[in-house]
N, C-alpha and C. Protein backbone atom coordinates (compact mmCIF):
# COMPACT_ATOMS: atom_id res chain seq x y z
N ILE A 1 168.63 43.74 130.71
CA ILE A 1 169.72 43.71 131.66
C ILE A 1 169.60 44.90 132.62
N VAL A 2 169.27 46.06 132.08
CA VAL A 2 169.12 47.24 132.93
C VAL A 2 167.99 47.03 133.94
N SER A 3 166.88 46.47 133.48
CA SER A 3 165.75 46.22 134.38
C SER A 3 166.12 45.25 135.49
N ILE A 4 166.88 44.23 135.17
CA ILE A 4 167.30 43.26 136.18
C ILE A 4 168.23 43.93 137.19
N ILE A 5 169.18 44.70 136.70
CA ILE A 5 170.11 45.39 137.61
C ILE A 5 169.37 46.38 138.50
N VAL A 6 168.40 47.09 137.95
CA VAL A 6 167.62 48.04 138.75
C VAL A 6 166.79 47.30 139.79
N THR A 7 166.12 46.24 139.39
CA THR A 7 165.28 45.48 140.32
C THR A 7 166.11 44.92 141.46
N ILE A 8 167.21 44.31 141.13
CA ILE A 8 168.07 43.75 142.17
C ILE A 8 168.74 44.87 142.96
N GLY A 9 169.16 45.92 142.27
CA GLY A 9 169.86 47.02 142.91
C GLY A 9 169.01 47.79 143.90
N LEU A 10 167.73 47.93 143.64
CA LEU A 10 166.87 48.69 144.55
C LEU A 10 166.45 47.90 145.79
N LEU A 11 166.59 46.59 145.73
CA LEU A 11 166.33 45.73 146.90
C LEU A 11 165.00 46.01 147.60
N GLY A 12 163.97 46.32 146.88
CA GLY A 12 162.66 46.53 147.50
C GLY A 12 162.54 47.85 148.24
N ILE A 13 163.47 48.77 148.02
CA ILE A 13 163.48 50.04 148.76
C ILE A 13 162.28 50.91 148.41
N ASN A 14 161.73 50.78 147.20
CA ASN A 14 160.55 51.57 146.84
C ASN A 14 159.35 51.17 147.69
N THR A 15 159.09 49.88 147.78
CA THR A 15 157.98 49.39 148.59
C THR A 15 158.18 49.76 150.04
N TYR A 16 159.38 49.56 150.53
CA TYR A 16 159.69 49.91 151.91
C TYR A 16 159.53 51.42 152.13
N GLY A 17 159.98 52.21 151.16
CA GLY A 17 159.92 53.66 151.28
C GLY A 17 158.51 54.19 151.41
N TYR A 18 157.62 53.77 150.51
CA TYR A 18 156.27 54.33 150.61
C TYR A 18 155.52 53.78 151.81
N ARG A 19 155.86 52.57 152.25
CA ARG A 19 155.24 52.05 153.47
C ARG A 19 155.67 52.87 154.69
N GLU A 20 156.96 53.15 154.79
CA GLU A 20 157.47 53.91 155.93
C GLU A 20 156.99 55.37 155.91
N VAL A 21 156.92 55.96 154.74
CA VAL A 21 156.41 57.33 154.61
C VAL A 21 154.95 57.38 155.06
N ALA A 22 154.18 56.36 154.71
CA ALA A 22 152.77 56.32 155.11
C ALA A 22 152.61 56.27 156.63
N PHE A 23 153.58 55.68 157.33
CA PHE A 23 153.52 55.62 158.79
C PHE A 23 153.74 56.98 159.44
N CYS A 24 154.36 57.91 158.75
CA CYS A 24 154.62 59.22 159.34
C CYS A 24 153.97 60.34 158.52
N LEU A 25 152.73 60.12 158.12
CA LEU A 25 152.00 61.11 157.32
C LEU A 25 151.86 62.46 158.02
N ASP A 26 151.66 62.42 159.34
CA ASP A 26 151.38 63.65 160.07
C ASP A 26 152.61 64.33 160.65
N ASP A 27 153.79 63.77 160.42
CA ASP A 27 155.01 64.31 160.99
C ASP A 27 156.01 64.62 159.87
N LYS A 28 156.00 65.87 159.41
CA LYS A 28 156.84 66.26 158.27
C LYS A 28 158.32 66.16 158.60
N LYS A 29 158.69 66.46 159.85
CA LYS A 29 160.10 66.38 160.24
C LYS A 29 160.58 64.93 160.20
N LYS A 30 159.80 64.04 160.75
CA LYS A 30 160.17 62.62 160.74
C LYS A 30 160.19 62.08 159.30
N ARG A 31 159.23 62.50 158.51
CA ARG A 31 159.16 62.09 157.10
C ARG A 31 160.37 62.61 156.34
N SER A 32 160.81 63.81 156.64
CA SER A 32 161.98 64.40 155.98
C SER A 32 163.24 63.62 156.31
N LYS A 33 163.41 63.32 157.58
CA LYS A 33 164.58 62.53 158.00
C LYS A 33 164.57 61.18 157.32
N LEU A 34 163.43 60.53 157.31
CA LEU A 34 163.28 59.24 156.65
C LEU A 34 163.59 59.34 155.16
N PHE A 35 163.11 60.40 154.52
CA PHE A 35 163.34 60.60 153.10
C PHE A 35 164.84 60.66 152.80
N PHE A 36 165.58 61.45 153.56
CA PHE A 36 167.01 61.58 153.30
C PHE A 36 167.77 60.30 153.62
N GLU A 37 167.35 59.57 154.64
CA GLU A 37 167.99 58.30 154.94
C GLU A 37 167.77 57.30 153.82
N ILE A 38 166.54 57.18 153.36
CA ILE A 38 166.24 56.24 152.28
C ILE A 38 166.90 56.68 150.98
N THR A 39 166.95 57.97 150.73
CA THR A 39 167.63 58.48 149.54
C THR A 39 169.11 58.15 149.58
N LEU A 40 169.73 58.24 150.74
CA LEU A 40 171.14 57.89 150.86
C LEU A 40 171.34 56.39 150.61
N VAL A 41 170.45 55.56 151.13
CA VAL A 41 170.52 54.12 150.86
C VAL A 41 170.39 53.87 149.36
N ARG A 42 169.45 54.57 148.72
CA ARG A 42 169.27 54.43 147.27
C ARG A 42 170.53 54.84 146.51
N PHE A 43 171.19 55.89 146.96
CA PHE A 43 172.41 56.36 146.31
C PHE A 43 173.52 55.30 146.43
N ILE A 44 173.66 54.72 147.61
CA ILE A 44 174.66 53.66 147.82
C ILE A 44 174.34 52.46 146.93
N LEU A 45 173.06 52.10 146.87
CA LEU A 45 172.65 50.98 146.02
C LEU A 45 172.91 51.28 144.54
N MET A 46 172.73 52.54 144.15
CA MET A 46 172.99 52.91 142.75
C MET A 46 174.47 52.73 142.42
N ILE A 47 175.33 53.14 143.32
CA ILE A 47 176.77 52.98 143.08
C ILE A 47 177.12 51.50 142.97
N LEU A 48 176.59 50.68 143.87
CA LEU A 48 176.85 49.24 143.81
C LEU A 48 176.31 48.63 142.52
N SER A 49 175.13 49.06 142.11
CA SER A 49 174.53 48.56 140.87
C SER A 49 175.35 48.98 139.66
N PHE A 50 175.89 50.16 139.73
CA PHE A 50 176.71 50.64 138.62
C PHE A 50 177.94 49.75 138.43
N PHE A 51 178.52 49.25 139.53
CA PHE A 51 179.65 48.33 139.41
C PHE A 51 179.24 47.05 138.68
N ALA A 52 178.02 46.59 138.93
CA ALA A 52 177.53 45.40 138.21
C ALA A 52 177.26 45.72 136.74
N TYR A 53 177.01 46.98 136.45
CA TYR A 53 176.66 47.42 135.09
C TYR A 53 177.89 47.69 134.22
N VAL A 54 178.99 48.06 134.84
CA VAL A 54 180.21 48.46 134.11
C VAL A 54 180.67 47.42 133.09
N PRO A 55 180.70 46.14 133.41
CA PRO A 55 181.17 45.18 132.40
C PRO A 55 180.38 45.23 131.08
N PHE A 56 179.11 45.56 131.16
CA PHE A 56 178.30 45.64 129.94
C PHE A 56 178.71 46.83 129.06
N LEU A 57 179.34 47.82 129.66
CA LEU A 57 179.81 48.97 128.88
C LEU A 57 180.96 48.61 127.95
N PHE A 58 181.55 47.45 128.18
CA PHE A 58 182.67 46.99 127.35
C PHE A 58 182.28 45.79 126.49
N SER A 59 181.00 45.60 126.29
CA SER A 59 180.53 44.48 125.47
C SER A 59 180.39 44.93 124.01
N ASN A 60 179.91 44.04 123.18
CA ASN A 60 179.69 44.36 121.76
C ASN A 60 178.61 45.42 121.57
N PHE A 61 177.75 45.57 122.56
CA PHE A 61 176.65 46.52 122.47
C PHE A 61 176.88 47.71 123.40
N SER A 62 178.12 48.10 123.55
CA SER A 62 178.48 49.12 124.53
C SER A 62 177.76 50.45 124.31
N ILE A 63 177.53 50.84 123.07
CA ILE A 63 176.84 52.12 122.81
C ILE A 63 175.43 52.10 123.39
N TYR A 64 174.76 50.96 123.28
CA TYR A 64 173.40 50.85 123.82
C TYR A 64 173.41 50.86 125.34
N PHE A 65 174.38 50.19 125.92
CA PHE A 65 174.48 50.19 127.38
C PHE A 65 174.88 51.56 127.90
N PHE A 66 175.69 52.28 127.15
CA PHE A 66 176.04 53.65 127.55
C PHE A 66 174.79 54.53 127.57
N ILE A 67 173.97 54.43 126.54
CA ILE A 67 172.74 55.22 126.47
C ILE A 67 171.83 54.90 127.65
N MET A 68 171.78 53.63 128.02
CA MET A 68 170.88 53.20 129.09
C MET A 68 171.37 53.58 130.49
N ILE A 69 172.58 54.14 130.59
CA ILE A 69 173.05 54.63 131.90
C ILE A 69 172.08 55.68 132.44
N PHE A 70 171.56 56.52 131.55
CA PHE A 70 170.61 57.56 131.98
C PHE A 70 169.34 56.94 132.55
N HIS A 71 168.92 55.84 131.97
CA HIS A 71 167.74 55.12 132.49
C HIS A 71 168.06 54.52 133.86
N LEU A 72 169.23 53.95 134.00
CA LEU A 72 169.66 53.37 135.26
C LEU A 72 169.68 54.43 136.36
N VAL A 73 170.29 55.56 136.08
CA VAL A 73 170.37 56.65 137.06
C VAL A 73 168.97 57.17 137.40
N SER A 74 168.13 57.30 136.39
CA SER A 74 166.78 57.84 136.63
C SER A 74 165.95 56.94 137.54
N GLN A 75 166.16 55.65 137.47
CA GLN A 75 165.42 54.73 138.33
C GLN A 75 165.80 54.91 139.80
N PHE A 76 167.04 55.23 140.04
CA PHE A 76 167.48 55.45 141.41
C PHE A 76 167.16 56.85 141.89
N MET A 77 166.92 57.78 140.97
CA MET A 77 166.54 59.16 141.32
C MET A 77 165.03 59.32 141.45
N ASP A 78 164.29 58.28 141.19
CA ASP A 78 162.83 58.37 141.17
C ASP A 78 162.30 58.43 142.60
N PHE A 79 161.61 59.52 142.94
CA PHE A 79 161.06 59.70 144.28
C PHE A 79 159.55 59.47 144.31
N THR A 80 159.06 58.69 143.38
CA THR A 80 157.63 58.37 143.34
C THR A 80 157.19 57.74 144.65
N TRP A 81 158.05 56.98 145.27
CA TRP A 81 157.70 56.29 146.51
C TRP A 81 157.28 57.28 147.60
N LEU A 82 157.86 58.48 147.60
CA LEU A 82 157.46 59.49 148.58
C LEU A 82 156.03 59.93 148.34
N PHE A 83 155.69 60.17 147.09
CA PHE A 83 154.34 60.64 146.75
C PHE A 83 153.29 59.56 146.95
N ILE A 84 153.66 58.31 146.73
CA ILE A 84 152.74 57.21 147.01
C ILE A 84 152.52 57.12 148.52
N GLY A 85 153.60 57.29 149.27
CA GLY A 85 153.51 57.23 150.73
C GLY A 85 152.64 58.32 151.33
N VAL A 86 152.67 59.52 150.75
CA VAL A 86 151.84 60.62 151.26
C VAL A 86 150.48 60.64 150.56
N GLU A 87 150.23 59.62 149.79
CA GLU A 87 148.94 59.41 149.12
C GLU A 87 148.60 60.50 148.12
N ASN A 88 149.60 60.98 147.42
CA ASN A 88 149.39 61.94 146.34
C ASN A 88 149.73 61.26 145.02
N LEU A 89 148.82 60.45 144.55
CA LEU A 89 149.04 59.72 143.31
C LEU A 89 148.73 60.57 142.08
N LYS A 90 148.03 61.66 142.29
CA LYS A 90 147.65 62.51 141.16
C LYS A 90 148.88 63.03 140.43
N ILE A 91 149.83 63.56 141.18
CA ILE A 91 151.03 64.12 140.55
C ILE A 91 151.82 63.04 139.82
N VAL A 92 151.88 61.85 140.40
CA VAL A 92 152.60 60.74 139.78
C VAL A 92 151.91 60.32 138.49
N ALA A 93 150.59 60.18 138.55
CA ALA A 93 149.84 59.73 137.38
C ALA A 93 149.90 60.73 136.24
N ILE A 94 149.70 62.00 136.53
CA ILE A 94 149.72 63.03 135.48
C ILE A 94 151.11 63.13 134.86
N ARG A 95 152.11 63.17 135.70
CA ARG A 95 153.49 63.28 135.22
C ARG A 95 153.85 62.10 134.33
N ASN A 96 153.56 60.89 134.80
CA ASN A 96 153.88 59.70 134.02
C ASN A 96 153.09 59.65 132.71
N PHE A 97 151.82 60.03 132.76
CA PHE A 97 150.99 60.01 131.56
C PHE A 97 151.55 60.96 130.49
N LEU A 98 151.86 62.18 130.90
CA LEU A 98 152.35 63.17 129.94
C LEU A 98 153.68 62.76 129.32
N VAL A 99 154.60 62.30 130.14
CA VAL A 99 155.91 61.93 129.61
C VAL A 99 155.80 60.68 128.74
N LYS A 100 154.99 59.72 129.14
CA LYS A 100 154.79 58.52 128.31
C LYS A 100 154.14 58.88 126.98
N LEU A 101 153.19 59.77 127.01
CA LEU A 101 152.52 60.19 125.78
C LEU A 101 153.52 60.88 124.84
N ILE A 102 154.29 61.79 125.37
CA ILE A 102 155.28 62.51 124.55
C ILE A 102 156.34 61.55 124.02
N SER A 103 156.82 60.64 124.86
CA SER A 103 157.85 59.71 124.40
C SER A 103 157.28 58.74 123.35
N THR A 104 156.03 58.35 123.49
CA THR A 104 155.41 57.49 122.47
C THR A 104 155.30 58.23 121.14
N ILE A 105 154.91 59.47 121.18
CA ILE A 105 154.83 60.27 119.96
C ILE A 105 156.21 60.41 119.32
N LEU A 106 157.22 60.68 120.15
CA LEU A 106 158.59 60.79 119.63
C LEU A 106 159.08 59.48 119.01
N ILE A 107 158.71 58.37 119.61
CA ILE A 107 159.09 57.07 119.05
C ILE A 107 158.45 56.88 117.68
N PHE A 108 157.17 57.22 117.55
CA PHE A 108 156.51 57.08 116.25
C PHE A 108 157.10 58.02 115.20
N ILE A 109 157.56 59.17 115.63
CA ILE A 109 158.13 60.13 114.68
C ILE A 109 159.55 59.74 114.26
N PHE A 110 160.40 59.34 115.22
CA PHE A 110 161.82 59.18 114.94
C PHE A 110 162.29 57.74 114.73
N VAL A 111 161.55 56.77 115.20
CA VAL A 111 161.99 55.38 115.06
C VAL A 111 161.24 54.75 113.89
N LYS A 112 161.98 54.51 112.81
CA LYS A 112 161.36 54.00 111.58
C LYS A 112 161.85 52.60 111.21
N THR A 113 163.09 52.28 111.55
CA THR A 113 163.67 50.99 111.16
C THR A 113 164.36 50.36 112.37
N PRO A 114 164.70 49.08 112.27
CA PRO A 114 165.46 48.44 113.36
C PRO A 114 166.82 49.11 113.60
N ASN A 115 167.33 49.83 112.63
CA ASN A 115 168.60 50.54 112.80
C ASN A 115 168.47 51.76 113.71
N ASP A 116 167.26 52.13 114.05
CA ASP A 116 167.01 53.28 114.92
C ASP A 116 166.95 52.89 116.40
N LEU A 117 167.53 51.76 116.74
CA LEU A 117 167.51 51.29 118.12
C LEU A 117 168.13 52.32 119.06
N ASP A 118 169.21 52.94 118.64
CA ASP A 118 169.86 53.94 119.51
C ASP A 118 168.94 55.14 119.75
N VAL A 119 168.19 55.54 118.74
CA VAL A 119 167.24 56.65 118.90
C VAL A 119 166.15 56.26 119.89
N TYR A 120 165.66 55.04 119.75
CA TYR A 120 164.64 54.53 120.67
C TYR A 120 165.16 54.53 122.11
N LEU A 121 166.37 54.05 122.30
CA LEU A 121 166.95 54.00 123.64
C LEU A 121 167.18 55.39 124.22
N TRP A 122 167.60 56.35 123.38
CA TRP A 122 167.74 57.74 123.84
C TRP A 122 166.40 58.29 124.31
N ILE A 123 165.36 58.05 123.54
CA ILE A 123 164.02 58.54 123.92
C ILE A 123 163.59 57.89 125.23
N LEU A 124 163.77 56.60 125.35
CA LEU A 124 163.40 55.87 126.56
C LEU A 124 164.19 56.38 127.77
N SER A 125 165.50 56.49 127.61
CA SER A 125 166.35 56.90 128.73
C SER A 125 166.10 58.34 129.17
N LEU A 126 166.05 59.23 128.20
CA LEU A 126 165.86 60.64 128.54
C LEU A 126 164.47 60.93 129.08
N SER A 127 163.46 60.25 128.55
CA SER A 127 162.11 60.46 129.09
C SER A 127 162.04 59.96 130.53
N SER A 128 162.71 58.87 130.82
CA SER A 128 162.76 58.36 132.18
C SER A 128 163.48 59.34 133.10
N LEU A 129 164.56 59.92 132.62
CA LEU A 129 165.31 60.90 133.40
C LEU A 129 164.50 62.18 133.62
N ILE A 130 163.78 62.60 132.61
CA ILE A 130 162.93 63.80 132.73
C ILE A 130 161.83 63.57 133.75
N VAL A 131 161.24 62.39 133.75
CA VAL A 131 160.20 62.06 134.73
C VAL A 131 160.77 62.16 136.14
N SER A 132 161.94 61.57 136.33
CA SER A 132 162.55 61.59 137.67
C SER A 132 162.93 62.99 138.11
N CYS A 133 163.46 63.79 137.20
CA CYS A 133 163.87 65.16 137.55
C CYS A 133 162.67 66.08 137.76
N SER A 134 161.61 65.85 137.02
CA SER A 134 160.45 66.75 137.11
C SER A 134 159.78 66.70 138.48
N ILE A 135 159.91 65.61 139.16
CA ILE A 135 159.25 65.49 140.46
C ILE A 135 160.02 66.21 141.57
N LEU A 136 161.28 66.54 141.30
CA LEU A 136 162.10 67.22 142.31
C LEU A 136 161.50 68.54 142.75
N PHE A 137 160.80 69.21 141.84
CA PHE A 137 160.22 70.52 142.15
C PHE A 137 159.09 70.44 143.17
N ASN A 138 158.52 69.26 143.34
CA ASN A 138 157.38 69.10 144.25
C ASN A 138 157.78 68.56 145.62
N LEU A 139 159.05 68.29 145.83
CA LEU A 139 159.48 67.69 147.09
C LEU A 139 159.30 68.62 148.29
N LYS A 140 159.53 69.93 148.10
CA LYS A 140 159.47 70.89 149.21
C LYS A 140 158.14 70.85 149.96
N LYS A 141 157.10 70.50 149.26
CA LYS A 141 155.78 70.47 149.88
C LYS A 141 155.67 69.36 150.92
N TYR A 142 156.48 68.31 150.79
CA TYR A 142 156.33 67.13 151.63
C TYR A 142 157.50 66.87 152.57
N ILE A 143 158.63 67.53 152.32
CA ILE A 143 159.78 67.36 153.20
C ILE A 143 160.44 68.71 153.47
N TYR A 144 161.17 68.77 154.58
CA TYR A 144 161.97 69.94 154.89
C TYR A 144 163.35 69.73 154.27
N ILE A 145 163.74 70.62 153.40
CA ILE A 145 165.06 70.52 152.78
C ILE A 145 166.14 70.83 153.82
N SER A 146 165.84 71.69 154.78
CA SER A 146 166.82 72.10 155.78
C SER A 146 167.22 70.96 156.71
N ILE A 147 166.45 69.89 156.75
CA ILE A 147 166.75 68.78 157.66
C ILE A 147 167.99 68.02 157.23
N ILE A 148 168.44 68.28 156.03
CA ILE A 148 169.63 67.59 155.51
C ILE A 148 170.86 67.88 156.37
N LYS A 149 170.82 68.93 157.15
CA LYS A 149 171.95 69.29 158.01
C LYS A 149 172.09 68.34 159.19
N GLU A 150 171.02 67.61 159.51
CA GLU A 150 171.09 66.67 160.63
C GLU A 150 171.96 65.48 160.26
N LYS A 151 172.60 64.92 161.26
CA LYS A 151 173.49 63.79 161.04
C LYS A 151 172.67 62.52 160.80
N ILE A 152 173.03 61.81 159.75
CA ILE A 152 172.38 60.53 159.46
C ILE A 152 173.26 59.43 160.05
N GLN A 153 172.63 58.57 160.83
CA GLN A 153 173.38 57.52 161.50
C GLN A 153 173.48 56.27 160.62
N ILE A 154 174.62 55.63 160.67
CA ILE A 154 174.85 54.40 159.91
C ILE A 154 173.85 53.33 160.33
N LYS A 155 173.53 53.29 161.61
CA LYS A 155 172.61 52.28 162.13
C LYS A 155 171.25 52.37 161.43
N SER A 156 170.77 53.59 161.23
CA SER A 156 169.46 53.74 160.57
C SER A 156 169.52 53.30 159.11
N LEU A 157 170.66 53.53 158.45
CA LEU A 157 170.83 53.07 157.06
C LEU A 157 170.81 51.55 156.98
N ILE A 158 171.46 50.91 157.96
CA ILE A 158 171.47 49.45 157.99
C ILE A 158 170.08 48.91 158.25
N ILE A 159 169.35 49.55 159.15
CA ILE A 159 167.97 49.12 159.45
C ILE A 159 167.10 49.27 158.20
N HIS A 160 167.20 50.39 157.51
CA HIS A 160 166.41 50.59 156.29
C HIS A 160 166.78 49.55 155.23
N SER A 161 168.06 49.28 155.09
CA SER A 161 168.50 48.29 154.10
C SER A 161 167.97 46.90 154.45
N TYR A 162 168.08 46.53 155.70
CA TYR A 162 167.61 45.21 156.14
C TYR A 162 166.11 45.07 155.93
N ASN A 163 165.35 46.08 156.34
CA ASN A 163 163.90 46.01 156.20
C ASN A 163 163.45 46.01 154.75
N SER A 164 164.15 46.74 153.90
CA SER A 164 163.78 46.73 152.48
C SER A 164 164.15 45.38 151.86
N LEU A 165 165.20 44.78 152.34
CA LEU A 165 165.60 43.46 151.85
C LEU A 165 164.53 42.42 152.17
N LYS A 166 163.89 42.55 153.33
CA LYS A 166 162.80 41.63 153.69
C LYS A 166 161.63 41.76 152.71
N LEU A 167 161.39 42.95 152.20
CA LEU A 167 160.33 43.15 151.21
C LEU A 167 160.78 42.77 149.81
N PHE A 168 162.09 42.70 149.60
CA PHE A 168 162.64 42.39 148.29
C PHE A 168 162.43 40.91 147.92
N PHE A 169 162.60 40.01 148.88
CA PHE A 169 162.53 38.59 148.57
C PHE A 169 161.19 38.16 147.98
N PRO A 170 160.05 38.58 148.53
CA PRO A 170 158.79 38.23 147.86
C PRO A 170 158.69 38.85 146.47
N GLN A 171 159.21 40.06 146.31
CA GLN A 171 159.18 40.74 145.02
C GLN A 171 160.00 39.98 143.98
N ILE A 172 161.19 39.54 144.34
CA ILE A 172 162.04 38.81 143.39
C ILE A 172 161.44 37.44 143.11
N GLY A 173 160.80 36.85 144.12
CA GLY A 173 160.12 35.57 143.90
C GLY A 173 159.02 35.70 142.86
N LEU A 174 158.25 36.77 142.94
CA LEU A 174 157.18 37.01 141.96
C LEU A 174 157.75 37.24 140.57
N ILE A 175 158.81 38.01 140.48
CA ILE A 175 159.44 38.29 139.19
C ILE A 175 159.96 36.98 138.57
N LEU A 176 160.63 36.18 139.38
CA LEU A 176 161.13 34.89 138.86
C LEU A 176 159.98 33.99 138.42
N PHE A 177 158.91 33.96 139.21
CA PHE A 177 157.75 33.14 138.86
C PHE A 177 157.16 33.58 137.54
N LEU A 178 157.02 34.89 137.35
CA LEU A 178 156.42 35.40 136.11
C LEU A 178 157.34 35.21 134.90
N GLN A 179 158.64 35.32 135.11
CA GLN A 179 159.58 35.19 134.00
C GLN A 179 159.83 33.72 133.63
N VAL A 180 159.92 32.86 134.63
CA VAL A 180 160.20 31.45 134.37
C VAL A 180 158.95 30.75 133.84
N ASP A 181 157.80 31.28 134.16
CA ASP A 181 156.54 30.68 133.74
C ASP A 181 156.32 30.78 132.24
N LYS A 182 157.06 31.64 131.55
CA LYS A 182 156.85 31.87 130.11
C LYS A 182 157.32 30.73 129.27
């Protein structure tokens, strides 16, 4: 359920983000403005997705859905799209490898029975959050933090949302094809 909400909630913004970042590789100021605009769109989408997620917090499995809130937030905080756009996959690959390796080891150590589902979900959610937070330290190299003072126009947010939506439809079509094909 979390994966579906994240996929629908992000509306193809990751693909759109790294494509647009790649178009402004040589212009850090333009890339910075674009980064903050797309990040704001992602934040709005996260809030909307959270409204779709709230009913699950009151289900029979509410404890599990509560734990997965951290995973949901981490997916919207993930700035991997910026690093893909600037063609720095090394940092993404190393970071993901290390966190996946550590979380796999933790799963083997702490998850012993089906009753340890909550432990498994904590490891999954927190490792995802750590991955997303760890990349924040590398943002300064690719964007100007001071550009946040510039005014972001609603029109540009609508344009980013519309363009990412155009990339979302083929993505959702592929997901449906792969899931329904089973």
